[in-house]
Amino acid sequence: MNTTTTHTTPAASRPRQILTTMRDELRERREARAAKRKLQAELATYSTRAEVDDLMALLHHQESAQADQIRGILNNNLQRRAS
């Protein structure tokens, strides 16, 4: 049986690793943007100041990146409605 084994040198595999890393990072960014757009659309349904204040009260003691993102989106929504 004749088997051929392909060996890649570290120099040859490095560009492949970089390309793979870049693709992974781009995919993750696309997914993050899609998730943010979905969250923005969901939060856009809260249209009154009272509804937004209720959500802000729920987030008051939350210290996370997602809570910060939600607060930012809600504040942007309020600013857009005010103008």
C-alpha atoms as a PDB file:
ATOM      1  CA  MET A   1       0.000   0.000   0.000  1.00  0.00           C
ATOM      2  CA  ASN A   2       1.416   3.356  -0.995  1.00  0.00           C
ATOM      3  CA  THR A   3       0.442   6.191   1.318  1.00  0.00           C
ATOM      4  CA  THR A   4       1.571   9.731   0.877  1.00  0.00           C
ATOM      5  CA  THR A   5       1.904  11.868   3.932  1.00  0.00           C
ATOM      6  CA  THR A   6       1.850  15.596   3.498  1.00  0.00           C
ATOM      7  CA  HIS A   7       3.865  17.507   5.992  1.00  0.00           C
ATOM      8  CA  THR A   8       3.551  21.226   6.276  1.00  0.00           C
ATOM      9  CA  THR A   9       6.419  23.192   7.576  1.00  0.00           C
ATOM     10  CA  PRO A  10       5.856  25.727  10.330  1.00  0.00           C
ATOM     11  CA  ALA A  11       6.559  28.479   7.812  1.00  0.00           C
ATOM     12  CA  ALA A  12       3.906  27.141   5.453  1.00  0.00           C
ATOM     13  CA  SER A  13       1.271  26.588   8.120  1.00  0.00           C
ATOM     14  CA  ARG A  14       1.631  30.066   9.639  1.00  0.00           C
ATOM     15  CA  PRO A  15      -0.167  31.878   6.774  1.00  0.00           C
ATOM     16  CA  ARG A  16      -2.913  29.259   6.923  1.00  0.00           C
ATOM     17  CA  GLN A  17      -3.293  29.858  10.680  1.00  0.00           C
ATOM     18  CA  ILE A  18      -3.477  33.605  10.119  1.00  0.00           C
ATOM     19  CA  LEU A  19      -6.110  33.168   7.419  1.00  0.00           C
ATOM     20  CA  THR A  20      -8.136  30.845   9.628  1.00  0.00           C
ATOM     21  CA  THR A  21      -7.924  33.288  12.527  1.00  0.00           C
ATOM     22  CA  MET A  22      -9.004  36.185  10.321  1.00  0.00           C
ATOM     23  CA  ARG A  23     -11.963  34.223   8.972  1.00  0.00           C
ATOM     24  CA  ASP A  24     -13.017  33.258  12.488  1.00  0.00           C
ATOM     25  CA  GLU A  25     -12.761  36.852  13.689  1.00  0.00           C
ATOM     26  CA  LEU A  26     -14.748  38.157  10.729  1.00  0.00           C
ATOM     27  CA  ARG A  27     -17.450  35.530  11.294  1.00  0.00           C
ATOM     28  CA  GLU A  28     -17.645  36.451  14.976  1.00  0.00           C
ATOM     29  CA  ARG A  29     -17.946  40.146  14.115  1.00  0.00           C
ATOM     30  CA  ARG A  30     -20.724  39.443  11.610  1.00  0.00           C
ATOM     31  CA  GLU A  31     -22.562  37.392  14.220  1.00  0.00           C
ATOM     32  CA  ALA A  32     -22.113  40.138  16.829  1.00  0.00           C
ATOM     33  CA  ARG A  33     -23.457  42.794  14.432  1.00  0.00           C
ATOM     34  CA  ALA A  34     -26.452  40.604  13.571  1.00  0.00           C
ATOM     35  CA  ALA A  35     -27.157  40.023  17.275  1.00  0.00           C
ATOM     36  CA  LYS A  36     -26.923  43.768  17.953  1.00  0.00           C
ATOM     37  CA  ARG A  37     -29.322  44.572  15.110  1.00  0.00           C
ATOM     38  CA  LYS A  38     -31.765  41.987  16.460  1.00  0.00           C
ATOM     39  CA  LEU A  39     -31.508  43.454  19.965  1.00  0.00           C
ATOM     40  CA  GLN A  40     -32.011  46.969  18.599  1.00  0.00           C
ATOM     41  CA  ALA A  41     -35.130  45.835  16.749  1.00  0.00           C
ATOM     42  CA  GLU A  42     -36.503  44.143  19.859  1.00  0.00           C
ATOM     43  CA  LEU A  43     -35.809  47.176  22.045  1.00  0.00           C
ATOM     44  CA  ALA A  44     -37.366  49.524  19.487  1.00  0.00           C
ATOM     45  CA  THR A  45     -40.759  48.128  20.492  1.00  0.00           C
ATOM     46  CA  TYR A  46     -40.442  49.935  23.831  1.00  0.00           C
ATOM     47  CA  SER A  47     -41.771  53.259  22.625  1.00  0.00           C
ATOM     48  CA  THR A  48     -42.814  55.235  25.665  1.00  0.00           C
ATOM     49  CA  ARG A  49     -40.648  56.876  28.284  1.00  0.00           C
ATOM     50  CA  ALA A  50     -42.381  54.771  30.969  1.00  0.00           C
ATOM     51  CA  GLU A  51     -41.526  51.517  29.193  1.00  0.00           C
ATOM     52  CA  VAL A  52     -37.900  52.559  28.783  1.00  0.00           C
ATOM     53  CA  ASP A  53     -37.722  53.681  32.417  1.00  0.00           C
ATOM     54  CA  ASP A  54     -39.043  50.270  33.511  1.00  0.00           C
ATOM     55  CA  LEU A  55     -36.326  48.499  31.542  1.00  0.00           C
ATOM     56  CA  MET A  56     -33.677  50.865  32.874  1.00  0.00           C
ATOM     57  CA  ALA A  57     -34.841  50.132  36.411  1.00  0.00           C
ATOM     58  CA  LEU A  58     -34.443  46.411  35.769  1.00  0.00           C
ATOM     59  CA  LEU A  59     -30.903  47.034  34.538  1.00  0.00           C
ATOM     60  CA  HIS A  60     -29.966  49.437  37.326  1.00  0.00           C
ATOM     61  CA  HIS A  61     -27.870  46.949  39.316  1.00  0.00           C
ATOM     62  CA  GLN A  62     -26.628  44.948  36.344  1.00  0.00           C
ATOM     63  CA  GLU A  63     -22.936  45.409  35.627  1.00  0.00           C
ATOM     64  CA  SER A  64     -22.283  43.527  32.411  1.00  0.00           C
ATOM     65  CA  ALA A  65     -21.337  44.345  28.850  1.00  0.00           C
ATOM     66  CA  GLN A  66     -24.772  43.255  27.657  1.00  0.00           C
ATOM     67  CA  ALA A  67     -26.543  45.480  30.203  1.00  0.00           C
ATOM     68  CA  ASP A  68     -24.376  48.402  29.078  1.00  0.00           C
ATOM     69  CA  GLN A  69     -25.255  47.653  25.470  1.00  0.00           C
ATOM     70  CA  ILE A  70     -28.972  47.593  26.272  1.00  0.00           C
ATOM     71  CA  ARG A  71     -28.735  50.874  28.212  1.00  0.00           C
ATOM     72  CA  GLY A  72     -26.929  52.466  25.277  1.00  0.00           C
ATOM     73  CA  ILE A  73     -29.524  51.295  22.782  1.00  0.00           C
ATOM     74  CA  LEU A  74     -32.368  52.522  24.979  1.00  0.00           C
ATOM     75  CA  ASN A  75     -30.710  55.919  25.426  1.00  0.00           C
ATOM     76  CA  ASN A  76     -30.172  56.206  21.665  1.00  0.00           C
ATOM     77  CA  ASN A  77     -33.830  55.331  21.088  1.00  0.00           C
ATOM     78  CA  LEU A  78     -34.907  58.065  23.497  1.00  0.00           C
ATOM     79  CA  GLN A  79     -32.640  60.624  21.850  1.00  0.00           C
ATOM     80  CA  ARG A  80     -33.979  59.776  18.406  1.00  0.00           C
ATOM     81  CA  ARG A  81     -37.563  60.074  19.606  1.00  0.00           C
ATOM     82  CA  ALA A  82     -36.826  63.433  21.218  1.00  0.00           C
ATOM     83  CA  SER A  83     -35.441  64.924  18.018  1.00  0.00           C
END
